């Protein structure tokens, strides 16, 4: 049995946004795993701040494809003249992480 390594693609605010992004990736053949702190999933979900963030993982082999797709999605959503950098605290935008692999 082989263990494939998973790479953190980044964090996104809110589980709904994460599920939408997961669906877009899976439609392109990219497997996705979502991770959210347990406290963010209680009866009254926390959907703000770090507790509302969902971390998105893709297989290491799909990392480049996932990053290209993410860049395409962000450019489609960006209005003309808007900066190309990642926004600091927007609920719908991916915040890249520097964390390592998840196995």
C-alpha atoms as a PDB file:
ATOM      1  CA  UNK A   1       0.000   0.000   0.000  1.00  0.00           C
ATOM      2  CA  UNK A   2       1.443   3.364  -0.983  1.00  0.00           C
ATOM      3  CA  UNK A   3       0.923   6.575   0.879  1.00  0.00           C
ATOM      4  CA  UNK A   4       0.611   9.624  -1.316  1.00  0.00           C
ATOM      5  CA  UNK A   5       1.639  12.925   0.150  1.00  0.00           C
ATOM      6  CA  UNK A   6      -0.794  15.786   0.284  1.00  0.00           C
ATOM      7  CA  UNK A   7       0.244  19.425  -0.053  1.00  0.00           C
ATOM      8  CA  UNK A   8      -1.483  22.365   1.590  1.00  0.00           C
ATOM      9  CA  UNK A   9      -2.708  24.623  -1.189  1.00  0.00           C
ATOM     10  CA  UNK A  10      -3.879  27.283   1.254  1.00  0.00           C
ATOM     11  CA  UNK A  11      -6.749  28.375   3.478  1.00  0.00           C
ATOM     12  CA  UNK A  12     -10.135  29.737   2.559  1.00  0.00           C
ATOM     13  CA  UNK A  13     -12.668  31.410   4.818  1.00  0.00           C
ATOM     14  CA  UNK A  14     -15.826  29.396   5.396  1.00  0.00           C
ATOM     15  CA  UNK A  15     -16.769  25.796   4.759  1.00  0.00           C
ATOM     16  CA  UNK A  16     -19.236  26.728   2.002  1.00  0.00           C
ATOM     17  CA  UNK A  17     -16.502  28.482   0.017  1.00  0.00           C
ATOM     18  CA  UNK A  18     -14.219  25.487   0.582  1.00  0.00           C
ATOM     19  CA  UNK A  19     -16.861  23.034  -0.656  1.00  0.00           C
ATOM     20  CA  UNK A  20     -17.443  25.118  -3.798  1.00  0.00           C
ATOM     21  CA  UNK A  21     -13.718  25.229  -4.507  1.00  0.00           C
ATOM     22  CA  UNK A  22     -13.457  21.489  -3.842  1.00  0.00           C
ATOM     23  CA  UNK A  23     -16.196  20.851  -6.404  1.00  0.00           C
ATOM     24  CA  UNK A  24     -14.409  22.983  -9.006  1.00  0.00           C
ATOM     25  CA  UNK A  25     -11.153  21.104  -8.454  1.00  0.00           C
ATOM     26  CA  UNK A  26     -12.816  17.691  -8.529  1.00  0.00           C
ATOM     27  CA  UNK A  27     -14.559  18.598 -11.792  1.00  0.00           C
ATOM     28  CA  UNK A  28     -11.035  18.967 -13.241  1.00  0.00           C
ATOM     29  CA  UNK A  29      -9.881  15.616 -11.855  1.00  0.00           C
ATOM     30  CA  UNK A  30      -8.026  16.997  -8.823  1.00  0.00           C
ATOM     31  CA  UNK A  31      -8.648  15.169  -5.552  1.00  0.00           C
ATOM     32  CA  UNK A  32      -9.108  17.467  -2.565  1.00  0.00           C
ATOM     33  CA  UNK A  33      -9.166  17.037   1.190  1.00  0.00           C
ATOM     34  CA  UNK A  34     -10.543  19.758   3.439  1.00  0.00           C
ATOM     35  CA  UNK A  35      -9.473  20.280   7.025  1.00  0.00           C
ATOM     36  CA  UNK A  36     -11.217  22.548   9.518  1.00  0.00           C
ATOM     37  CA  UNK A  37     -10.677  22.828  13.259  1.00  0.00           C
ATOM     38  CA  UNK A  38     -13.313  20.833  15.137  1.00  0.00           C
ATOM     39  CA  UNK A  39     -14.516  23.924  16.999  1.00  0.00           C
ATOM     40  CA  UNK A  40     -15.505  25.442  13.642  1.00  0.00           C
ATOM     41  CA  UNK A  41     -17.954  22.572  13.087  1.00  0.00           C
ATOM     42  CA  UNK A  42     -19.978  22.764  16.304  1.00  0.00           C
ATOM     43  CA  UNK A  43     -23.786  23.118  16.358  1.00  0.00           C
ATOM     44  CA  UNK A  44     -23.407  26.822  15.635  1.00  0.00           C
ATOM     45  CA  UNK A  45     -20.467  26.840  13.242  1.00  0.00           C
ATOM     46  CA  UNK A  46     -17.857  29.513  13.593  1.00  0.00           C
ATOM     47  CA  UNK A  47     -17.354  31.144  10.223  1.00  0.00           C
ATOM     48  CA  UNK A  48     -15.005  33.994  10.988  1.00  0.00           C
ATOM     49  CA  UNK A  49     -11.383  34.394  11.905  1.00  0.00           C
ATOM     50  CA  UNK A  50      -8.988  31.475  12.066  1.00  0.00           C
ATOM     51  CA  UNK A  51     -11.690  29.133  13.405  1.00  0.00           C
ATOM     52  CA  UNK A  52     -13.713  29.666  10.235  1.00  0.00           C
ATOM     53  CA  UNK A  53     -10.816  28.906   7.922  1.00  0.00           C
ATOM     54  CA  UNK A  54     -10.678  25.648   6.033  1.00  0.00           C
ATOM     55  CA  UNK A  55      -7.330  24.321   4.847  1.00  0.00           C
ATOM     56  CA  UNK A  56      -7.274  22.815   1.365  1.00  0.00           C
ATOM     57  CA  UNK A  57      -4.992  19.899   0.531  1.00  0.00           C
ATOM     58  CA  UNK A  58      -4.289  18.385  -2.885  1.00  0.00           C
ATOM     59  CA  UNK A  59      -2.083  15.468  -3.856  1.00  0.00           C
ATOM     60  CA  UNK A  60       1.510  16.499  -4.424  1.00  0.00           C
ATOM     61  CA  UNK A  61       1.278  15.268  -8.018  1.00  0.00           C
ATOM     62  CA  UNK A  62      -1.646  17.657  -8.649  1.00  0.00           C
ATOM     63  CA  UNK A  63      -0.131  20.726  -6.992  1.00  0.00           C
ATOM     64  CA  UNK A  64       0.880  22.575 -10.176  1.00  0.00           C
ATOM     65  CA  UNK A  65      -2.423  21.824 -11.904  1.00  0.00           C
ATOM     66  CA  UNK A  66      -4.344  22.976  -8.813  1.00  0.00           C
ATOM     67  CA  UNK A  67      -2.348  26.205  -8.549  1.00  0.00           C
ATOM     68  CA  UNK A  68      -2.947  26.998 -12.240  1.00  0.00           C
ATOM     69  CA  UNK A  69      -6.673  26.342 -11.837  1.00  0.00           C
ATOM     70  CA  UNK A  70      -6.767  28.498  -8.708  1.00  0.00           C
ATOM     71  CA  UNK A  71      -5.031  31.346 -10.562  1.00  0.00           C
ATOM     72  CA  UNK A  72      -7.590  31.064 -13.386  1.00  0.00           C
ATOM     73  CA  UNK A  73     -10.488  31.139 -10.927  1.00  0.00           C
ATOM     74  CA  UNK A  74      -9.060  34.169  -9.120  1.00  0.00           C
ATOM     75  CA  UNK A  75      -8.441  36.064 -12.360  1.00  0.00           C
ATOM     76  CA  UNK A  76     -12.044  35.396 -13.445  1.00  0.00           C
ATOM     77  CA  UNK A  77     -13.348  36.726 -10.137  1.00  0.00           C
ATOM     78  CA  UNK A  78     -11.043  39.746 -10.046  1.00  0.00           C
ATOM     79  CA  UNK A  79     -12.472  42.923 -11.461  1.00  0.00           C
ATOM     80  CA  UNK A  80     -10.393  44.873 -14.011  1.00  0.00           C
ATOM     81  CA  UNK A  81      -7.779  47.036 -12.322  1.00  0.00           C
ATOM     82  CA  UNK A  82      -7.797  45.070  -9.072  1.00  0.00           C
ATOM     83  CA  UNK A  83      -4.442  44.006  -7.641  1.00  0.00           C
ATOM     84  CA  UNK A  84      -3.211  40.509  -8.471  1.00  0.00           C
ATOM     85  CA  UNK A  85      -1.974  39.754  -4.919  1.00  0.00           C
ATOM     86  CA  UNK A  86      -3.945  37.668  -2.473  1.00  0.00           C
ATOM     87  CA  UNK A  87      -6.219  39.811  -0.297  1.00  0.00           C
ATOM     88  CA  UNK A  88      -5.439  39.751   3.418  1.00  0.00           C
ATOM     89  CA  UNK A  89      -8.811  39.015   4.985  1.00  0.00           C
ATOM     90  CA  UNK A  90     -11.462  38.237   2.410  1.00  0.00           C
ATOM     91  CA  UNK A  91     -13.814  35.357   3.215  1.00  0.00           C
ATOM     92  CA  UNK A  92     -13.816  34.002  -0.322  1.00  0.00           C
ATOM     93  CA  UNK A  93     -10.156  34.138  -1.236  1.00  0.00           C
ATOM     94  CA  UNK A  94      -7.487  31.502  -0.742  1.00  0.00           C
ATOM     95  CA  UNK A  95      -4.686  32.430   1.602  1.00  0.00           C
ATOM     96  CA  UNK A  96      -1.584  30.442   0.668  1.00  0.00           C
ATOM     97  CA  UNK A  97       0.138  28.529   3.439  1.00  0.00           C
ATOM     98  CA  UNK A  98       3.742  27.573   3.849  1.00  0.00           C
ATOM     99  CA  UNK A  99       2.964  24.447   5.833  1.00  0.00           C
ATOM    100  CA  UNK A 100       4.462  21.217   4.682  1.00  0.00           C
ATOM    101  CA  UNK A 101       3.005  17.976   3.473  1.00  0.00           C
ATOM    102  CA  UNK A 102       0.116  16.109   5.010  1.00  0.00           C
ATOM    103  CA  UNK A 103       0.474  12.364   4.816  1.00  0.00           C
END
